[in-house]
Amino acid sequence: MAYVTVGQENAQPINLYFEDHGTGQPVVLIHGFPLNGHSWERQEAALLNAGYRVITYDRRGFGASSQPSVGYEYDTLSADLEHLLAHLNLSNVILVGFSMGCGEVARYLGKFGSARIEKAVFAAPIAPYLLKTAENPEGVDGSVFEGIMDAIRADRPAFFKQFFQNFYNADVLKGTRVSDEVLQASWNVAVGSSARATLACVPAWLTDYRADVARIDVPTLIVHGDADRILPLEATGARLHQMIAGSELVVVKDGPHALGWTHAEELNTALLNFLKRA
């Protein structure tokens, strides 16, 4: 098992668990809430078969990484990513984020620039700005996020069970594109995450990435399902596409939030086609 130290809490190291497989151009996959790097298994297989080097890591607070009480805002999360890229001395990187992981992609490019990065991919993105305000009427009302935090505080395991129903659109896709076992496996990973991280990530979702997005200067792909109940296309991916000049938007018909599992073939095809392009 490989780790990189990204900081300290009370003189104890904060370590990120990562996996680094294959050879070729590096593709760094950044997972969504509340999963871990193994949630990319269907994309990792396709990328390795296509000749890419694939790096996955667990966000602090999740998976096999340390579970500190601090650092769940995107300045720190993007700095964690930079620690990993520097530790591996990576360049010519393709950054691929899913859901909350798209926040790291956006903030990384906004904060650290594109010196290490060749391309960026946003799958079911949280960017550009999720919170509804007077000048951002396309966003989601803040009371929704207060309700999520209340549900996590009241019964975190029960919250996860309901969350994954909408994550996979299980009422529609169970038995065809997702199984009870996948739902259970996702729940198992989620309940192993830090309780504090689970709660602290919710305010981070309300980060305004618009200034970061304005700095993106690499070829960009956005992939989003038109049946996403967690981060609806029109509020997120469609707006992000409009903000990034020259970006490509692939809309997956009937795709839920969890595209990487339920519609892996569609996501993988869009991803590999984009990566091959000069």
C-alpha atoms as a PDB file:
ATOM      1  CA  MET A   1       0.000   0.000   0.000  1.00  0.00           C
ATOM      2  CA  ALA A   2       1.340   3.436  -0.982  1.00  0.00           C
ATOM      3  CA  TYR A   3       0.844   6.693   0.881  1.00  0.00           C
ATOM      4  CA  VAL A   4       1.862  10.319   0.521  1.00  0.00           C
ATOM      5  CA  THR A   5       1.972  12.646   3.543  1.00  0.00           C
ATOM      6  CA  VAL A   6       0.058  15.874   2.900  1.00  0.00           C
ATOM      7  CA  GLY A   7       0.111  17.507   6.335  1.00  0.00           C
ATOM      8  CA  GLN A   8      -0.188  17.021  10.072  1.00  0.00           C
ATOM      9  CA  GLU A   9      -2.764  17.178  12.829  1.00  0.00           C
ATOM     10  CA  ASN A  10      -1.463  17.258  16.404  1.00  0.00           C
ATOM     11  CA  ALA A  11       1.985  16.177  15.174  1.00  0.00           C
ATOM     12  CA  GLN A  12       0.504  13.093  13.511  1.00  0.00           C
ATOM     13  CA  PRO A  13       0.841  12.666   9.728  1.00  0.00           C
ATOM     14  CA  ILE A  14      -2.118  13.036   7.398  1.00  0.00           C
ATOM     15  CA  ASN A  15      -1.591  10.414   4.710  1.00  0.00           C
ATOM     16  CA  LEU A  16      -3.386   9.855   1.428  1.00  0.00           C
ATOM     17  CA  TYR A  17      -3.649   6.313   0.142  1.00  0.00           C
ATOM     18  CA  PHE A  18      -3.025   5.988  -3.594  1.00  0.00           C
ATOM     19  CA  GLU A  19      -2.575   3.339  -6.249  1.00  0.00           C
ATOM     20  CA  ASP A  20      -0.372   3.760  -9.328  1.00  0.00           C
ATOM     21  CA  HIS A  21      -0.710   1.208 -12.111  1.00  0.00           C
ATOM     22  CA  GLY A  22       0.411   0.802 -15.710  1.00  0.00           C
ATOM     23  CA  THR A  23       2.639   2.868 -17.947  1.00  0.00           C
ATOM     24  CA  GLY A  24       2.120   5.626 -20.463  1.00  0.00           C
ATOM     25  CA  GLN A  25       0.546   9.049 -20.059  1.00  0.00           C
ATOM     26  CA  PRO A  26      -0.714   9.491 -16.473  1.00  0.00           C
ATOM     27  CA  VAL A  27      -4.437   9.760 -15.807  1.00  0.00           C
ATOM     28  CA  VAL A  28      -5.363  10.810 -12.259  1.00  0.00           C
ATOM     29  CA  LEU A  29      -8.883   9.807 -11.207  1.00  0.00           C
ATOM     30  CA  ILE A  30     -10.521  11.754  -8.351  1.00  0.00           C
ATOM     31  CA  HIS A  31     -13.530  10.069  -6.770  1.00  0.00           C
ATOM     32  CA  GLY A  32     -16.865  11.422  -5.613  1.00  0.00           C
ATOM     33  CA  PHE A  33     -18.572  11.591  -2.231  1.00  0.00           C
ATOM     34  CA  PRO A  34     -18.740   9.359  -0.184  1.00  0.00           C
ATOM     35  CA  LEU A  35     -16.712   6.695  -2.004  1.00  0.00           C
ATOM     36  CA  ASN A  36     -13.027   5.974  -2.592  1.00  0.00           C
ATOM     37  CA  GLY A  37     -10.592   5.429  -5.437  1.00  0.00           C
ATOM     38  CA  HIS A  38     -11.844   1.904  -6.086  1.00  0.00           C
ATOM     39  CA  SER A  39     -15.113   3.388  -7.345  1.00  0.00           C
ATOM     40  CA  TRP A  40     -13.253   3.981 -10.637  1.00  0.00           C
ATOM     41  CA  GLU A  41     -12.743   0.245 -11.272  1.00  0.00           C
ATOM     42  CA  ARG A  42     -14.533   0.202 -14.628  1.00  0.00           C
ATOM     43  CA  GLN A  43     -12.668   3.266 -15.885  1.00  0.00           C
ATOM     44  CA  GLU A  44      -9.323   2.035 -14.561  1.00  0.00           C
ATOM     45  CA  ALA A  45      -9.698  -1.234 -16.469  1.00  0.00           C
ATOM     46  CA  ALA A  46     -10.504   0.557 -19.729  1.00  0.00           C
ATOM     47  CA  LEU A  47      -7.643   3.037 -19.316  1.00  0.00           C
ATOM     48  CA  LEU A  48      -5.078   0.361 -18.474  1.00  0.00           C
ATOM     49  CA  ASN A  49      -6.184  -1.690 -21.479  1.00  0.00           C
ATOM     50  CA  ALA A  50      -5.746   1.404 -23.650  1.00  0.00           C
ATOM     51  CA  GLY A  51      -2.144   1.877 -22.476  1.00  0.00           C
ATOM     52  CA  TYR A  52      -2.450   4.645 -19.891  1.00  0.00           C
ATOM     53  CA  ARG A  53      -0.850   4.929 -16.468  1.00  0.00           C
ATOM     54  CA  VAL A  54      -3.694   5.182 -13.954  1.00  0.00           C
ATOM     55  CA  ILE A  55      -3.426   6.818 -10.530  1.00  0.00           C
ATOM     56  CA  THR A  56      -6.304   6.734  -8.060  1.00  0.00           C
ATOM     57  CA  TYR A  57      -6.302   8.068  -4.508  1.00  0.00           C
ATOM     58  CA  ASP A  58      -8.640   8.316  -1.546  1.00  0.00           C
ATOM     59  CA  ARG A  59      -9.595  11.821  -0.482  1.00  0.00           C
ATOM     60  CA  ARG A  60      -8.684  12.637   3.118  1.00  0.00           C
ATOM     61  CA  GLY A  61     -11.393  11.324   5.411  1.00  0.00           C
ATOM     62  CA  PHE A  62     -12.386   8.534   3.016  1.00  0.00           C
ATOM     63  CA  GLY A  63     -11.232   5.058   2.058  1.00  0.00           C
ATOM     64  CA  ALA A  64      -7.810   4.066   3.357  1.00  0.00           C
ATOM     65  CA  SER A  65      -6.570   7.642   3.782  1.00  0.00           C
ATOM     66  CA  SER A  66      -6.169   9.383   7.148  1.00  0.00           C
ATOM     67  CA  GLN A  67      -9.303  10.791   8.737  1.00  0.00           C
ATOM     68  CA  PRO A  68      -8.276  14.136  10.220  1.00  0.00           C
ATOM     69  CA  SER A  69     -10.755  16.596  11.696  1.00  0.00           C
ATOM     70  CA  VAL A  70      -9.640  19.397   9.361  1.00  0.00           C
ATOM     71  CA  GLY A  71      -9.026  20.155   5.700  1.00  0.00           C
ATOM     72  CA  TYR A  72     -12.318  19.507   3.955  1.00  0.00           C
ATOM     73  CA  GLU A  73     -12.432  22.729   1.946  1.00  0.00           C
ATOM     74  CA  TYR A  74     -11.150  22.902  -1.589  1.00  0.00           C
ATOM     75  CA  ASP A  75      -8.002  24.933  -1.023  1.00  0.00           C
ATOM     76  CA  THR A  76      -6.736  22.087   1.146  1.00  0.00           C
ATOM     77  CA  LEU A  77      -8.181  19.316  -1.026  1.00  0.00           C
ATOM     78  CA  SER A  78      -6.533  20.750  -4.145  1.00  0.00           C
ATOM     79  CA  ALA A  79      -3.268  21.137  -2.238  1.00  0.00           C
ATOM     80  CA  ASP A  80      -3.534  17.435  -1.347  1.00  0.00           C
ATOM     81  CA  LEU A  81      -3.759  16.701  -5.063  1.00  0.00           C
ATOM     82  CA  GLU A  82      -0.675  18.824  -5.748  1.00  0.00           C
ATOM     83  CA  HIS A  83       1.222  16.913  -3.033  1.00  0.00           C
ATOM     84  CA  LEU A  84       0.407  13.680  -4.836  1.00  0.00           C
ATOM     85  CA  LEU A  85       1.392  14.967  -8.282  1.00  0.00           C
ATOM     86  CA  ALA A  86       4.650  16.345  -6.903  1.00  0.00           C
ATOM     87  CA  HIS A  87       5.379  13.149  -4.964  1.00  0.00           C
ATOM     88  CA  LEU A  88       5.046  11.142  -8.176  1.00  0.00           C
ATOM     89  CA  ASN A  89       6.790  13.866 -10.231  1.00  0.00           C
ATOM     90  CA  LEU A  90       3.975  13.787 -12.769  1.00  0.00           C
ATOM     91  CA  SER A  91       3.632  15.934 -15.851  1.00  0.00           C
ATOM     92  CA  ASN A  92       1.464  15.828 -18.969  1.00  0.00           C
ATOM     93  CA  VAL A  93      -1.340  14.695 -16.655  1.00  0.00           C
ATOM     94  CA  ILE A  94      -4.965  14.124 -17.543  1.00  0.00           C
ATOM     95  CA  LEU A  95      -7.106  15.058 -14.532  1.00  0.00           C
ATOM     96  CA  VAL A  96     -10.460  13.274 -14.311  1.00  0.00           C
ATOM     97  CA  GLY A  97     -12.920  14.196 -11.592  1.00  0.00           C
ATOM     98  CA  PHE A  98     -16.315  12.747 -10.734  1.00  0.00           C
ATOM     99  CA  SER A  99     -18.920  14.747  -8.832  1.00  0.00           C
ATOM    100  CA  MET A 100     -17.199  16.194  -5.740  1.00  0.00           C
ATOM    101  CA  GLY A 101     -13.887  15.230  -7.363  1.00  0.00           C
ATOM    102  CA  CYS A 102     -14.570  17.799 -10.060  1.00  0.00           C
ATOM    103  CA  GLY A 103     -14.101  20.411  -7.351  1.00  0.00           C
ATOM    104  CA  GLU A 104     -10.483  19.362  -6.960  1.00  0.00           C
ATOM    105  CA  VAL A 105     -10.006  19.576 -10.732  1.00  0.00           C
ATOM    106  CA  ALA A 106     -11.476  23.080 -10.948  1.00  0.00           C
ATOM    107  CA  ARG A 107      -9.744  24.470  -7.854  1.00  0.00           C
ATOM    108  CA  TYR A 108      -6.428  22.818  -8.780  1.00  0.00           C
ATOM    109  CA  LEU A 109      -6.397  24.491 -12.206  1.00  0.00           C
ATOM    110  CA  GLY A 110      -7.512  27.771 -10.670  1.00  0.00           C
ATOM    111  CA  LYS A 111      -4.916  27.701  -7.890  1.00  0.00           C
ATOM    112  CA  PHE A 112      -1.934  25.829  -9.341  1.00  0.00           C
ATOM    113  CA  GLY A 113      -2.439  26.353 -13.061  1.00  0.00           C
ATOM    114  CA  SER A 114      -1.898  23.887 -15.865  1.00  0.00           C
ATOM    115  CA  ALA A 115       1.895  23.444 -15.867  1.00  0.00           C
ATOM    116  CA  ARG A 116       1.493  19.752 -15.005  1.00  0.00           C
ATOM    117  CA  ILE A 117      -1.850  19.240 -16.765  1.00  0.00           C
ATOM    118  CA  GLU A 118      -2.611  18.444 -20.411  1.00  0.00           C
ATOM    119  CA  LYS A 119      -6.368  17.824 -20.292  1.00  0.00           C
ATOM    120  CA  ALA A 120      -9.258  17.920 -17.826  1.00  0.00           C
ATOM    121  CA  VAL A 121     -12.402  15.801 -17.575  1.00  0.00           C
ATOM    122  CA  PHE A 122     -15.473  16.605 -15.478  1.00  0.00           C
ATOM    123  CA  ALA A 123     -17.920  13.707 -14.992  1.00  0.00           C
ATOM    124  CA  ALA A 124     -21.241  14.701 -13.387  1.00  0.00           C
ATOM    125  CA  PRO A 125     -19.555  17.874 -12.105  1.00  0.00           C
ATOM    126  CA  ILE A 126     -20.340  19.871  -9.001  1.00  0.00           C
ATOM    127  CA  ALA A 127     -18.941  23.022 -10.654  1.00  0.00           C
ATOM    128  CA  PRO A 128     -19.438  25.854 -11.482  1.00  0.00           C
ATOM    129  CA  TYR A 129     -21.490  27.020  -8.451  1.00  0.00           C
ATOM    130  CA  LEU A 130     -24.160  24.979  -6.732  1.00  0.00           C
ATOM    131  CA  LEU A 131     -25.684  27.440  -4.257  1.00  0.00           C
ATOM    132  CA  LYS A 132     -28.689  29.506  -5.286  1.00  0.00           C
ATOM    133  CA  THR A 133     -28.177  33.220  -4.663  1.00  0.00           C
ATOM    134  CA  ALA A 134     -29.609  36.427  -6.067  1.00  0.00           C
ATOM    135  CA  GLU A 135     -26.873  36.511  -8.699  1.00  0.00           C
ATOM    136  CA  ASN A 136     -26.811  32.730  -9.170  1.00  0.00           C
ATOM    137  CA  PRO A 137     -30.502  31.868  -9.587  1.00  0.00           C
ATOM    138  CA  GLU A 138     -29.706  28.588 -11.372  1.00  0.00           C
ATOM    139  CA  GLY A 139     -28.342  27.114  -8.131  1.00  0.00           C
ATOM    140  CA  VAL A 140     -29.943  24.971  -5.419  1.00  0.00           C
ATOM    141  CA  ASP A 141     -31.590  26.536  -2.372  1.00  0.00           C
ATOM    142  CA  GLY A 142     -29.399  26.481   0.725  1.00  0.00           C
ATOM    143  CA  SER A 143     -32.123  24.779   2.771  1.00  0.00           C
ATOM    144  CA  VAL A 144     -31.486  21.588   0.780  1.00  0.00           C
ATOM    145  CA  PHE A 145     -27.955  21.388   2.132  1.00  0.00           C
ATOM    146  CA  GLU A 146     -29.072  22.183   5.665  1.00  0.00           C
ATOM    147  CA  GLY A 147     -31.466  19.254   5.353  1.00  0.00           C
ATOM    148  CA  ILE A 148     -28.641  16.986   4.194  1.00  0.00           C
ATOM    149  CA  MET A 149     -26.512  17.979   7.164  1.00  0.00           C
ATOM    150  CA  ASP A 150     -29.424  17.382   9.551  1.00  0.00           C
ATOM    151  CA  ALA A 151     -29.957  13.913   8.058  1.00  0.00           C
ATOM    152  CA  ILE A 152     -26.261  13.057   8.421  1.00  0.00           C
ATOM    153  CA  ARG A 153     -26.237  14.176  12.042  1.00  0.00           C
ATOM    154  CA  ALA A 154     -29.420  12.251  12.825  1.00  0.00           C
ATOM    155  CA  ASP A 155     -28.515   8.902  11.229  1.00  0.00           C
ATOM    156  CA  ARG A 156     -25.540   8.790   8.901  1.00  0.00           C
ATOM    157  CA  PRO A 157     -25.983   5.131   7.794  1.00  0.00           C
ATOM    158  CA  ALA A 158     -29.654   5.729   6.977  1.00  0.00           C
ATOM    159  CA  PHE A 159     -28.739   8.879   5.050  1.00  0.00           C
ATOM    160  CA  PHE A 160     -26.306   6.887   2.921  1.00  0.00           C
ATOM    161  CA  LYS A 161     -28.899   4.243   2.109  1.00  0.00           C
ATOM    162  CA  GLN A 162     -31.291   6.858   0.754  1.00  0.00           C
ATOM    163  CA  PHE A 163     -28.503   8.796  -0.944  1.00  0.00           C
ATOM    164  CA  PHE A 164     -27.412   5.790  -2.991  1.00  0.00           C
ATOM    165  CA  GLN A 165     -30.961   5.154  -4.167  1.00  0.00           C
ATOM    166  CA  ASN A 166     -30.801   8.485  -5.993  1.00  0.00           C
ATOM    167  CA  PHE A 167     -27.087   8.188  -6.778  1.00  0.00           C
ATOM    168  CA  TYR A 168     -27.827   5.141  -8.956  1.00  0.00           C
ATOM    169  CA  ASN A 169     -31.517   5.893  -9.781  1.00  0.00           C
ATOM    170  CA  ALA A 170     -32.084   2.462  -8.273  1.00  0.00           C
ATOM    171  CA  ASP A 171     -35.874   2.581  -8.636  1.00  0.00           C
ATOM    172  CA  VAL A 172     -35.385   2.655 -12.417  1.00  0.00           C
ATOM    173  CA  LEU A 173     -32.069   0.876 -13.010  1.00  0.00           C
ATOM    174  CA  LYS A 174     -31.895  -1.828 -10.329  1.00  0.00           C
ATOM    175  CA  GLY A 175     -31.781  -5.248 -11.903  1.00  0.00           C
ATOM    176  CA  THR A 176     -30.501  -3.948 -15.231  1.00  0.00           C
ATOM    177  CA  ARG A 177     -27.642  -1.508 -14.688  1.00  0.00           C
ATOM    178  CA  VAL A 178     -27.115  -1.756 -10.933  1.00  0.00           C
ATOM    179  CA  SER A 179     -27.528  -4.614  -8.452  1.00  0.00           C
ATOM    180  CA  ASP A 180     -28.397  -4.799  -4.780  1.00  0.00           C
ATOM    181  CA  GLU A 181     -24.812  -5.901  -4.217  1.00  0.00           C
ATOM    182  CA  VAL A 182     -23.412  -2.705  -5.763  1.00  0.00           C
ATOM    183  CA  LEU A 183     -25.692  -0.618  -3.562  1.00  0.00           C
ATOM    184  CA  GLN A 184     -24.534  -2.579  -0.525  1.00  0.00           C
ATOM    185  CA  ALA A 185     -20.871  -2.285  -1.497  1.00  0.00           C
ATOM    186  CA  SER A 186     -21.197   1.477  -1.881  1.00  0.00           C
ATOM    187  CA  TRP A 187     -22.920   1.726   1.498  1.00  0.00           C
ATOM    188  CA  ASN A 188     -20.126  -0.320   3.079  1.00  0.00           C
ATOM    189  CA  VAL A 189     -17.499   2.095   1.759  1.00  0.00           C
ATOM    190  CA  ALA A 190     -19.509   5.141   2.809  1.00  0.00           C
ATOM    191  CA  VAL A 191     -20.058   4.086   6.420  1.00  0.00           C
ATOM    192  CA  GLY A 192     -16.312   3.479   6.728  1.00  0.00           C
ATOM    193  CA  SER A 193     -15.618   7.120   5.993  1.00  0.00           C
ATOM    194  CA  SER A 194     -15.002   9.698   8.704  1.00  0.00           C
ATOM    195  CA  ALA A 195     -18.217  10.953  10.281  1.00  0.00           C
ATOM    196  CA  ARG A 196     -16.679  14.401  10.567  1.00  0.00           C
ATOM    197  CA  ALA A 197     -15.561  14.375   6.927  1.00  0.00           C
ATOM    198  CA  THR A 198     -19.010  13.305   5.778  1.00  0.00           C
ATOM    199  CA  LEU A 199     -20.540  16.338   7.432  1.00  0.00           C
ATOM    200  CA  ALA A 200     -17.739  18.785   6.623  1.00  0.00           C
ATOM    201  CA  CYS A 201     -17.872  18.029   2.910  1.00  0.00           C
ATOM    202  CA  VAL A 202     -21.417  19.375   2.583  1.00  0.00           C
ATOM    203  CA  PRO A 203     -20.470  23.078   3.005  1.00  0.00           C
ATOM    204  CA  ALA A 204     -17.569  22.470   0.614  1.00  0.00           C
ATOM    205  CA  TRP A 205     -20.094  21.569  -2.093  1.00  0.00           C
ATOM    206  CA  LEU A 206     -21.219  25.204  -2.036  1.00  0.00           C
ATOM    207  CA  THR A 207     -17.824  26.474  -3.206  1.00  0.00           C
ATOM    208  CA  ASP A 208     -17.967  29.046  -5.992  1.00  0.00           C
ATOM    209  CA  TYR A 209     -15.645  27.749  -8.730  1.00  0.00           C
ATOM    210  CA  ARG A 210     -16.429  30.397 -11.324  1.00  0.00           C
ATOM    211  CA  ALA A 211     -13.093  32.190 -10.950  1.00  0.00           C
ATOM    212  CA  ASP A 212     -11.293  28.828 -11.137  1.00  0.00           C
ATOM    213  CA  VAL A 213     -13.235  27.825 -14.225  1.00  0.00           C
ATOM    214  CA  ALA A 214     -12.256  31.092 -15.907  1.00  0.00           C
ATOM    215  CA  ARG A 215      -8.593  30.052 -15.582  1.00  0.00           C
ATOM    216  CA  ILE A 216      -8.991  26.656 -17.250  1.00  0.00           C
ATOM    217  CA  ASP A 217      -6.794  26.724 -20.350  1.00  0.00           C
ATOM    218  CA  VAL A 218      -6.547  23.040 -21.281  1.00  0.00           C
ATOM    219  CA  PRO A 219      -8.829  20.920 -23.475  1.00  0.00           C
ATOM    220  CA  THR A 220     -11.846  19.960 -21.385  1.00  0.00           C
ATOM    221  CA  LEU A 221     -14.483  17.242 -21.568  1.00  0.00           C
ATOM    222  CA  ILE A 222     -17.728  17.279 -19.583  1.00  0.00           C
ATOM    223  CA  VAL A 223     -19.839  14.105 -19.336  1.00  0.00           C
ATOM    224  CA  HIS A 224     -23.222  14.229 -17.629  1.00  0.00           C
ATOM    225  CA  GLY A 225     -26.358  12.105 -17.447  1.00  0.00           C
ATOM    226  CA  ASP A 226     -29.673  13.707 -18.316  1.00  0.00           C
ATOM    227  CA  ALA A 227     -31.358  11.836 -15.427  1.00  0.00           C
ATOM    228  CA  ASP A 228     -28.915  12.947 -12.711  1.00  0.00           C
ATOM    229  CA  ARG A 229     -30.862  13.506  -9.481  1.00  0.00           C
ATOM    230  CA  ILE A 230     -27.865  14.497  -7.352  1.00  0.00           C
ATOM    231  CA  LEU A 231     -26.366  17.213  -9.571  1.00  0.00           C
ATOM    232  CA  PRO A 232     -28.863  17.985 -12.337  1.00  0.00           C
ATOM    233  CA  LEU A 233     -27.371  18.602 -15.773  1.00  0.00           C
ATOM    234  CA  GLU A 234     -28.858  22.052 -16.344  1.00  0.00           C
ATOM    235  CA  ALA A 235     -27.607  23.405 -13.010  1.00  0.00           C
ATOM    236  CA  THR A 236     -24.069  22.075 -13.357  1.00  0.00           C
ATOM    237  CA  GLY A 237     -22.628  20.358 -16.425  1.00  0.00           C
ATOM    238  CA  ALA A 238     -24.514  22.411 -19.006  1.00  0.00           C
ATOM    239  CA  ARG A 239     -23.478  25.671 -17.328  1.00  0.00           C
ATOM    240  CA  LEU A 240     -19.880  24.520 -16.998  1.00  0.00           C
ATOM    241  CA  HIS A 241     -19.799  23.756 -20.716  1.00  0.00           C
ATOM    242  CA  GLN A 242     -20.972  27.280 -21.492  1.00  0.00           C
ATOM    243  CA  MET A 243     -18.260  28.786 -19.288  1.00  0.00           C
ATOM    244  CA  ILE A 244     -15.276  26.868 -20.722  1.00  0.00           C
ATOM    245  CA  ALA A 245     -14.544  27.969 -24.259  1.00  0.00           C
ATOM    246  CA  GLY A 246     -14.005  25.055 -26.607  1.00  0.00           C
ATOM    247  CA  SER A 247     -15.111  22.452 -24.086  1.00  0.00           C
ATOM    248  CA  GLU A 248     -16.919  19.316 -25.219  1.00  0.00           C
ATOM    249  CA  LEU A 249     -20.164  18.202 -23.576  1.00  0.00           C
ATOM    250  CA  VAL A 250     -21.365  14.593 -23.834  1.00  0.00           C
ATOM    251  CA  VAL A 251     -24.856  14.013 -22.441  1.00  0.00           C
ATOM    252  CA  VAL A 252     -25.646  10.389 -21.560  1.00  0.00           C
ATOM    253  CA  LYS A 253     -29.276   9.523 -22.193  1.00  0.00           C
ATOM    254  CA  ASP A 254     -31.039   8.243 -19.059  1.00  0.00           C
ATOM    255  CA  GLY A 255     -27.754   8.466 -17.170  1.00  0.00           C
ATOM    256  CA  PRO A 256     -27.966   8.897 -13.382  1.00  0.00           C
ATOM    257  CA  HIS A 257     -25.299  10.465 -11.228  1.00  0.00           C
ATOM    258  CA  ALA A 258     -23.262   7.254 -10.955  1.00  0.00           C
ATOM    259  CA  LEU A 259     -22.297   7.164 -14.632  1.00  0.00           C
ATOM    260  CA  GLY A 260     -19.035   5.391 -13.949  1.00  0.00           C
ATOM    261  CA  TRP A 261     -20.927   2.256 -12.969  1.00  0.00           C
ATOM    262  CA  THR A 262     -24.355   2.262 -14.608  1.00  0.00           C
ATOM    263  CA  HIS A 263     -23.186   3.711 -17.930  1.00  0.00           C
ATOM    264  CA  ALA A 264     -19.520   2.764 -17.834  1.00  0.00           C
ATOM    265  CA  GLU A 265     -19.380   1.952 -21.555  1.00  0.00           C
ATOM    266  CA  GLU A 266     -20.722   5.374 -22.505  1.00  0.00           C
ATOM    267  CA  LEU A 267     -18.413   7.192 -20.107  1.00  0.00           C
ATOM    268  CA  ASN A 268     -15.383   5.136 -21.113  1.00  0.00           C
ATOM    269  CA  THR A 269     -16.015   5.707 -24.818  1.00  0.00           C
ATOM    270  CA  ALA A 270     -16.296   9.465 -24.344  1.00  0.00           C
ATOM    271  CA  LEU A 271     -13.216   9.502 -22.113  1.00  0.00           C
ATOM    272  CA  LEU A 272     -10.981   7.428 -24.408  1.00  0.00           C
ATOM    273  CA  ASN A 273     -12.054   9.322 -27.524  1.00  0.00           C
ATOM    274  CA  PHE A 274     -11.209  12.598 -25.810  1.00  0.00           C
ATOM    275  CA  LEU A 275      -7.840  11.323 -24.565  1.00  0.00           C
ATOM    276  CA  LYS A 276      -6.808  10.108 -28.025  1.00  0.00           C
ATOM    277  CA  ARG A 277      -7.501  13.450 -29.652  1.00  0.00           C
ATOM    278  CA  ALA A 278      -4.453  15.625 -30.335  1.00  0.00           C
END
